[in-house]
């Protein structure tokens, strides 16, 4: 197992965060800003995450 995990470019480490409800809400709002609606009302990636360069790494899942 150790050899398999050493193949990853970045180590995965567990962190424990003590957050308030406000902190969690702000993080969720930031994540939701990743999406926008196109002309047909379909979800798409927000222009802010695409220009001037793609920034998909800033999208987090909660």
PDB file of N, CA and C in Angstrom:
ATOM      1  N   UNK A   1       0.829  -1.178   0.000  1.00  0.00           N
ATOM      2  CA  UNK A   1       0.000   0.000   0.000  1.00  0.00           C
ATOM      3  C   UNK A   1       0.884   1.256   0.000  1.00  0.00           C
ATOM      4  N   UNK A   2       1.959   1.238   0.739  1.00  0.00           N
ATOM      5  CA  UNK A   2       2.842   2.401   0.802  1.00  0.00           C
ATOM      6  C   UNK A   2       3.401   2.733  -0.573  1.00  0.00           C
ATOM      7  N   UNK A   3       3.752   1.725  -1.351  1.00  0.00           N
ATOM      8  CA  UNK A   3       4.305   1.957  -2.679  1.00  0.00           C
ATOM      9  C   UNK A   3       3.258   2.541  -3.624  1.00  0.00           C
ATOM     10  N   UNK A   4       2.026   2.121  -3.489  1.00  0.00           N
ATOM     11  CA  UNK A   4       0.957   2.665  -4.321  1.00  0.00           C
ATOM     12  C   UNK A   4       0.751   4.141  -4.002  1.00  0.00           C
ATOM     13  N   UNK A   5       0.705   4.479  -2.741  1.00  0.00           N
ATOM     14  CA  UNK A   5       0.477   5.862  -2.338  1.00  0.00           C
ATOM     15  C   UNK A   5       1.640   6.775  -2.702  1.00  0.00           C
ATOM     16  N   UNK A   6       2.837   6.242  -2.813  1.00  0.00           N
ATOM     17  CA  UNK A   6       3.985   7.087  -3.159  1.00  0.00           C
ATOM     18  C   UNK A   6       3.946   7.527  -4.618  1.00  0.00           C
ATOM     19  N   UNK A   7       3.078   6.936  -5.427  1.00  0.00           N
ATOM     20  CA  UNK A   7       2.962   7.306  -6.835  1.00  0.00           C
ATOM     21  C   UNK A   7       2.183   8.605  -7.038  1.00  0.00           C
ATOM     22  N   UNK A   8       1.431   9.053  -6.026  1.00  0.00           N
ATOM     23  CA  UNK A   8       0.664  10.288  -6.142  1.00  0.00           C
ATOM     24  C   UNK A   8       1.585  11.500  -6.110  1.00  0.00           C
ATOM     25  N   UNK A   9       1.258  12.509  -6.907  1.00  0.00           N
ATOM     26  CA  UNK A   9       2.082  13.718  -6.962  1.00  0.00           C
ATOM     27  C   UNK A   9       2.040  14.509  -5.657  1.00  0.00           C
ATOM     28  N   UNK A  10       0.897  14.481  -4.986  1.00  0.00           N
ATOM     29  CA  UNK A  10       0.742  15.241  -3.745  1.00  0.00           C
ATOM     30  C   UNK A  10       0.290  14.297  -2.641  1.00  0.00           C
ATOM     31  N   UNK A  11       0.868  14.411  -1.471  1.00  0.00           N
ATOM     32  CA  UNK A  11       0.451  13.522  -0.385  1.00  0.00           C
ATOM     33  C   UNK A  11      -0.944  13.904   0.113  1.00  0.00           C
ATOM     34  N   UNK A  12      -1.733  12.920   0.403  1.00  0.00           N
ATOM     35  CA  UNK A  12      -3.061  13.161   0.976  1.00  0.00           C
ATOM     36  C   UNK A  12      -2.941  13.073   2.480  1.00  0.00           C
ATOM     37  N   UNK A  13      -3.256  14.162   3.136  1.00  0.00           N
ATOM     38  CA  UNK A  13      -3.175  14.177   4.587  1.00  0.00           C
ATOM     39  C   UNK A  13      -4.528  14.557   5.148  1.00  0.00           C
ATOM     40  N   UNK A  14      -4.836  14.016   6.275  1.00  0.00           N
ATOM     41  CA  UNK A  14      -6.085  14.298   6.957  1.00  0.00           C
ATOM     42  C   UNK A  14      -5.910  15.515   7.847  1.00  0.00           C
ATOM     43  N   UNK A  15      -6.861  16.428   7.777  1.00  0.00           N
ATOM     44  CA  UNK A  15      -6.848  17.617   8.628  1.00  0.00           C
ATOM     45  C   UNK A  15      -8.189  17.732   9.314  1.00  0.00           C
ATOM     46  N   UNK A  16      -8.163  18.182  10.534  1.00  0.00           N
ATOM     47  CA  UNK A  16      -9.389  18.430  11.278  1.00  0.00           C
ATOM     48  C   UNK A  16      -9.526  19.942  11.439  1.00  0.00           C
ATOM     49  N   UNK A  17     -10.657  20.463  11.000  1.00  0.00           N
ATOM     50  CA  UNK A  17     -10.917  21.893  11.109  1.00  0.00           C
ATOM     51  C   UNK A  17     -12.079  22.128  12.066  1.00  0.00           C
ATOM     52  N   UNK A  18     -11.961  23.150  12.868  1.00  0.00           N
ATOM     53  CA  UNK A  18     -13.051  23.544  13.746  1.00  0.00           C
ATOM     54  C   UNK A  18     -13.696  24.769  13.097  1.00  0.00           C
ATOM     55  N   UNK A  19     -14.909  24.594  12.560  1.00  0.00           N
ATOM     56  CA  UNK A  19     -15.569  25.646  11.806  1.00  0.00           C
ATOM     57  C   UNK A  19     -16.890  26.041  12.449  1.00  0.00           C
ATOM     58  N   UNK A  20     -17.266  27.271  12.204  1.00  0.00           N
ATOM     59  CA  UNK A  20     -18.583  27.729  12.636  1.00  0.00           C
ATOM     60  C   UNK A  20     -19.555  27.533  11.476  1.00  0.00           C
ATOM     61  N   UNK A  21     -20.826  27.681  11.729  1.00  0.00           N
ATOM     62  CA  UNK A  21     -21.820  27.607  10.673  1.00  0.00           C
ATOM     63  C   UNK A  21     -21.581  28.672   9.615  1.00  0.00           C
ATOM     64  N   UNK A  22     -21.140  29.850  10.036  1.00  0.00           N
ATOM     65  CA  UNK A  22     -20.855  30.941   9.099  1.00  0.00           C
ATOM     66  C   UNK A  22     -19.726  30.554   8.154  1.00  0.00           C
ATOM     67  N   UNK A  23     -18.659  29.946   8.710  1.00  0.00           N
ATOM     68  CA  UNK A  23     -17.530  29.514   7.888  1.00  0.00           C
ATOM     69  C   UNK A  23     -17.966  28.514   6.825  1.00  0.00           C
ATOM     70  N   UNK A  24     -18.782  27.551   7.221  1.00  0.00           N
ATOM     71  CA  UNK A  24     -19.252  26.527   6.298  1.00  0.00           C
ATOM     72  C   UNK A  24     -20.131  27.149   5.221  1.00  0.00           C
ATOM     73  N   UNK A  25     -20.996  28.057   5.618  1.00  0.00           N
ATOM     74  CA  UNK A  25     -21.859  28.707   4.631  1.00  0.00           C
ATOM     75  C   UNK A  25     -21.048  29.497   3.604  1.00  0.00           C
ATOM     76  N   UNK A  26     -20.035  30.215   4.056  1.00  0.00           N
ATOM     77  CA  UNK A  26     -19.189  30.978   3.146  1.00  0.00           C
ATOM     78  C   UNK A  26     -18.465  30.048   2.162  1.00  0.00           C
ATOM     79  N   UNK A  27     -18.002  28.919   2.645  1.00  0.00           N
ATOM     80  CA  UNK A  27     -17.333  27.956   1.763  1.00  0.00           C
ATOM     81  C   UNK A  27     -18.316  27.388   0.748  1.00  0.00           C
ATOM     82  N   UNK A  28     -19.529  27.086   1.169  1.00  0.00           N
ATOM     83  CA  UNK A  28     -20.544  26.572   0.255  1.00  0.00           C
ATOM     84  C   UNK A  28     -20.935  27.616  -0.784  1.00  0.00           C
ATOM     85  N   UNK A  29     -21.053  28.864  -0.376  1.00  0.00           N
ATOM     86  CA  UNK A  29     -21.376  29.938  -1.316  1.00  0.00           C
ATOM     87  C   UNK A  29     -20.262  30.106  -2.354  1.00  0.00           C
ATOM     88  N   UNK A  30     -19.022  30.011  -1.906  1.00  0.00           N
ATOM     89  CA  UNK A  30     -17.888  30.117  -2.826  1.00  0.00           C
ATOM     90  C   UNK A  30     -17.923  28.973  -3.832  1.00  0.00           C
ATOM     91  N   UNK A  31     -18.226  27.776  -3.367  1.00  0.00           N
ATOM     92  CA  UNK A  31     -18.321  26.613  -4.254  1.00  0.00           C
ATOM     93  C   UNK A  31     -19.476  26.770  -5.229  1.00  0.00           C
ATOM     94  N   UNK A  32     -20.611  27.272  -4.761  1.00  0.00           N
ATOM     95  CA  UNK A  32     -21.775  27.444  -5.636  1.00  0.00           C
ATOM     96  C   UNK A  32     -21.509  28.469  -6.733  1.00  0.00           C
ATOM     97  N   UNK A  33     -20.617  29.414  -6.484  1.00  0.00           N
ATOM     98  CA  UNK A  33     -20.295  30.431  -7.490  1.00  0.00           C
ATOM     99  C   UNK A  33     -19.576  29.834  -8.694  1.00  0.00           C
ATOM    100  N   UNK A  34     -19.152  28.589  -8.596  1.00  0.00           N
ATOM    101  CA  UNK A  34     -18.500  27.898  -9.716  1.00  0.00           C
ATOM    102  C   UNK A  34     -19.475  27.699 -10.867  1.00  0.00           C
ATOM    103  N   UNK A  35     -20.763  27.618 -10.549  1.00  0.00           N
ATOM    104  CA  UNK A  35     -21.780  27.353 -11.555  1.00  0.00           C
ATOM    105  C   UNK A  35     -22.535  28.613 -11.947  1.00  0.00           C
ATOM    106  N   UNK A  36     -23.000  28.638 -13.189  1.00  0.00           N
ATOM    107  CA  UNK A  36     -23.849  29.709 -13.704  1.00  0.00           C
ATOM    108  C   UNK A  36     -24.876  29.053 -14.615  1.00  0.00           C
ATOM    109  N   UNK A  37     -25.883  29.815 -15.021  1.00  0.00           N
ATOM    110  CA  UNK A  37     -26.886  29.302 -15.947  1.00  0.00           C
ATOM    111  C   UNK A  37     -26.658  29.919 -17.320  1.00  0.00           C
ATOM    112  N   UNK A  38     -26.730  29.081 -18.359  1.00  0.00           N
ATOM    113  CA  UNK A  38     -26.572  29.607 -19.715  1.00  0.00           C
ATOM    114  C   UNK A  38     -27.904  30.158 -20.222  1.00  0.00           C
ATOM    115  N   UNK A  39     -27.966  30.546 -21.482  1.00  0.00           N
ATOM    116  CA  UNK A  39     -29.172  31.147 -22.073  1.00  0.00           C
ATOM    117  C   UNK A  39     -30.386  30.233 -21.970  1.00  0.00           C
ATOM    118  N   UNK A  40     -30.161  28.933 -22.040  1.00  0.00           N
ATOM    119  CA  UNK A  40     -31.257  27.961 -21.980  1.00  0.00           C
ATOM    120  C   UNK A  40     -31.607  27.569 -20.548  1.00  0.00           C
ATOM    121  N   UNK A  41     -30.916  28.163 -19.576  1.00  0.00           N
ATOM    122  CA  UNK A  41     -31.185  27.843 -18.178  1.00  0.00           C
ATOM    123  C   UNK A  41     -30.482  26.585 -17.698  1.00  0.00           C
ATOM    124  N   UNK A  42     -29.521  26.110 -18.465  1.00  0.00           N
ATOM    125  CA  UNK A  42     -28.772  24.919 -18.096  1.00  0.00           C
ATOM    126  C   UNK A  42     -27.524  25.316 -17.298  1.00  0.00           C
ATOM    127  N   UNK A  43     -27.160  24.522 -16.303  1.00  0.00           N
ATOM    128  CA  UNK A  43     -25.954  24.853 -15.526  1.00  0.00           C
ATOM    129  C   UNK A  43     -24.694  24.708 -16.370  1.00  0.00           C
ATOM    130  N   UNK A  44     -23.775  25.615 -16.160  1.00  0.00           N
ATOM    131  CA  UNK A  44     -22.486  25.617 -16.849  1.00  0.00           C
ATOM    132  C   UNK A  44     -21.445  26.160 -15.882  1.00  0.00           C
ATOM    133  N   UNK A  45     -20.187  26.087 -16.242  1.00  0.00           N
ATOM    134  CA  UNK A  45     -19.125  26.638 -15.404  1.00  0.00           C
ATOM    135  C   UNK A  45     -19.122  28.149 -15.557  1.00  0.00           C
ATOM    136  N   UNK A  46     -19.040  28.851 -14.446  1.00  0.00           N
ATOM    137  CA  UNK A  46     -19.040  30.312 -14.434  1.00  0.00           C
ATOM    138  C   UNK A  46     -17.845  30.859 -15.207  1.00  0.00           C
ATOM    139  N   UNK A  47     -18.057  31.962 -15.891  1.00  0.00           N
ATOM    140  CA  UNK A  47     -17.009  32.609 -16.680  1.00  0.00           C
ATOM    141  C   UNK A  47     -15.813  32.998 -15.807  1.00  0.00           C
ATOM    142  N   UNK A  48     -16.048  33.324 -14.545  1.00  0.00           N
ATOM    143  CA  UNK A  48     -14.972  33.721 -13.638  1.00  0.00           C
ATOM    144  C   UNK A  48     -13.959  32.592 -13.420  1.00  0.00           C
ATOM    145  N   UNK A  49     -14.399  31.350 -13.581  1.00  0.00           N
ATOM    146  CA  UNK A  49     -13.507  30.207 -13.399  1.00  0.00           C
ATOM    147  C   UNK A  49     -12.833  29.786 -14.708  1.00  0.00           C
ATOM    148  N   UNK A  50     -13.172  30.451 -15.807  1.00  0.00           N
ATOM    149  CA  UNK A  50     -12.613  30.084 -17.111  1.00  0.00           C
ATOM    150  C   UNK A  50     -11.677  31.132 -17.695  1.00  0.00           C
ATOM    151  N   UNK A  51     -11.867  32.394 -17.324  1.00  0.00           N
ATOM    152  CA  UNK A  51     -11.091  33.495 -17.904  1.00  0.00           C
ATOM    153  C   UNK A  51     -10.314  34.184 -16.798  1.00  0.00           C
ATOM    154  N   UNK A  52      -9.062  34.504 -16.924  1.00  0.00           N
ATOM    155  CA  UNK A  52      -8.239  34.396 -18.112  1.00  0.00           C
ATOM    156  C   UNK A  52      -7.684  32.987 -18.340  1.00  0.00           C
ATOM    157  N   UNK A  53      -7.773  32.096 -17.344  1.00  0.00           N
ATOM    158  CA  UNK A  53      -7.346  30.714 -17.538  1.00  0.00           C
ATOM    159  C   UNK A  53      -8.264  29.812 -16.729  1.00  0.00           C
ATOM    160  N   UNK A  54      -8.428  28.561 -17.114  1.00  0.00           N
ATOM    161  CA  UNK A  54      -9.285  27.653 -16.344  1.00  0.00           C
ATOM    162  C   UNK A  54      -8.764  27.477 -14.917  1.00  0.00           C
ATOM    163  N   UNK A  55      -9.683  27.546 -13.967  1.00  0.00           N
ATOM    164  CA  UNK A  55      -9.322  27.421 -12.547  1.00  0.00           C
ATOM    165  C   UNK A  55     -10.207  26.386 -11.871  1.00  0.00           C
ATOM    166  N   UNK A  56     -10.364  25.238 -12.492  1.00  0.00           N
ATOM    167  CA  UNK A  56     -11.242  24.208 -11.949  1.00  0.00           C
ATOM    168  C   UNK A  56     -10.758  23.696 -10.591  1.00  0.00           C
ATOM    169  N   UNK A  57      -9.486  23.870 -10.310  1.00  0.00           N
ATOM    170  CA  UNK A  57      -8.929  23.422  -9.032  1.00  0.00           C
ATOM    171  C   UNK A  57      -9.496  24.212  -7.854  1.00  0.00           C
ATOM    172  N   UNK A  58     -10.145  25.344  -8.105  1.00  0.00           N
ATOM    173  CA  UNK A  58     -10.733  26.136  -7.026  1.00  0.00           C
ATOM    174  C   UNK A  58     -12.132  25.667  -6.654  1.00  0.00           C
ATOM    175  N   UNK A  59     -12.642  24.659  -7.353  1.00  0.00           N
ATOM    176  CA  UNK A  59     -13.940  24.105  -7.007  1.00  0.00           C
ATOM    177  C   UNK A  59     -13.744  23.019  -5.961  1.00  0.00           C
ATOM    178  N   UNK A  60     -14.420  23.134  -4.846  1.00  0.00           N
ATOM    179  CA  UNK A  60     -14.336  22.153  -3.766  1.00  0.00           C
ATOM    180  C   UNK A  60     -15.680  21.483  -3.562  1.00  0.00           C
ATOM    181  N   UNK A  61     -15.646  20.255  -3.130  1.00  0.00           N
ATOM    182  CA  UNK A  61     -16.875  19.527  -2.802  1.00  0.00           C
ATOM    183  C   UNK A  61     -17.012  19.438  -1.295  1.00  0.00           C
ATOM    184  N   UNK A  62     -18.215  19.658  -0.819  1.00  0.00           N
ATOM    185  CA  UNK A  62     -18.512  19.555   0.608  1.00  0.00           C
ATOM    186  C   UNK A  62     -19.511  18.465   0.818  1.00  0.00           C
TER     187      UNK A  62
END
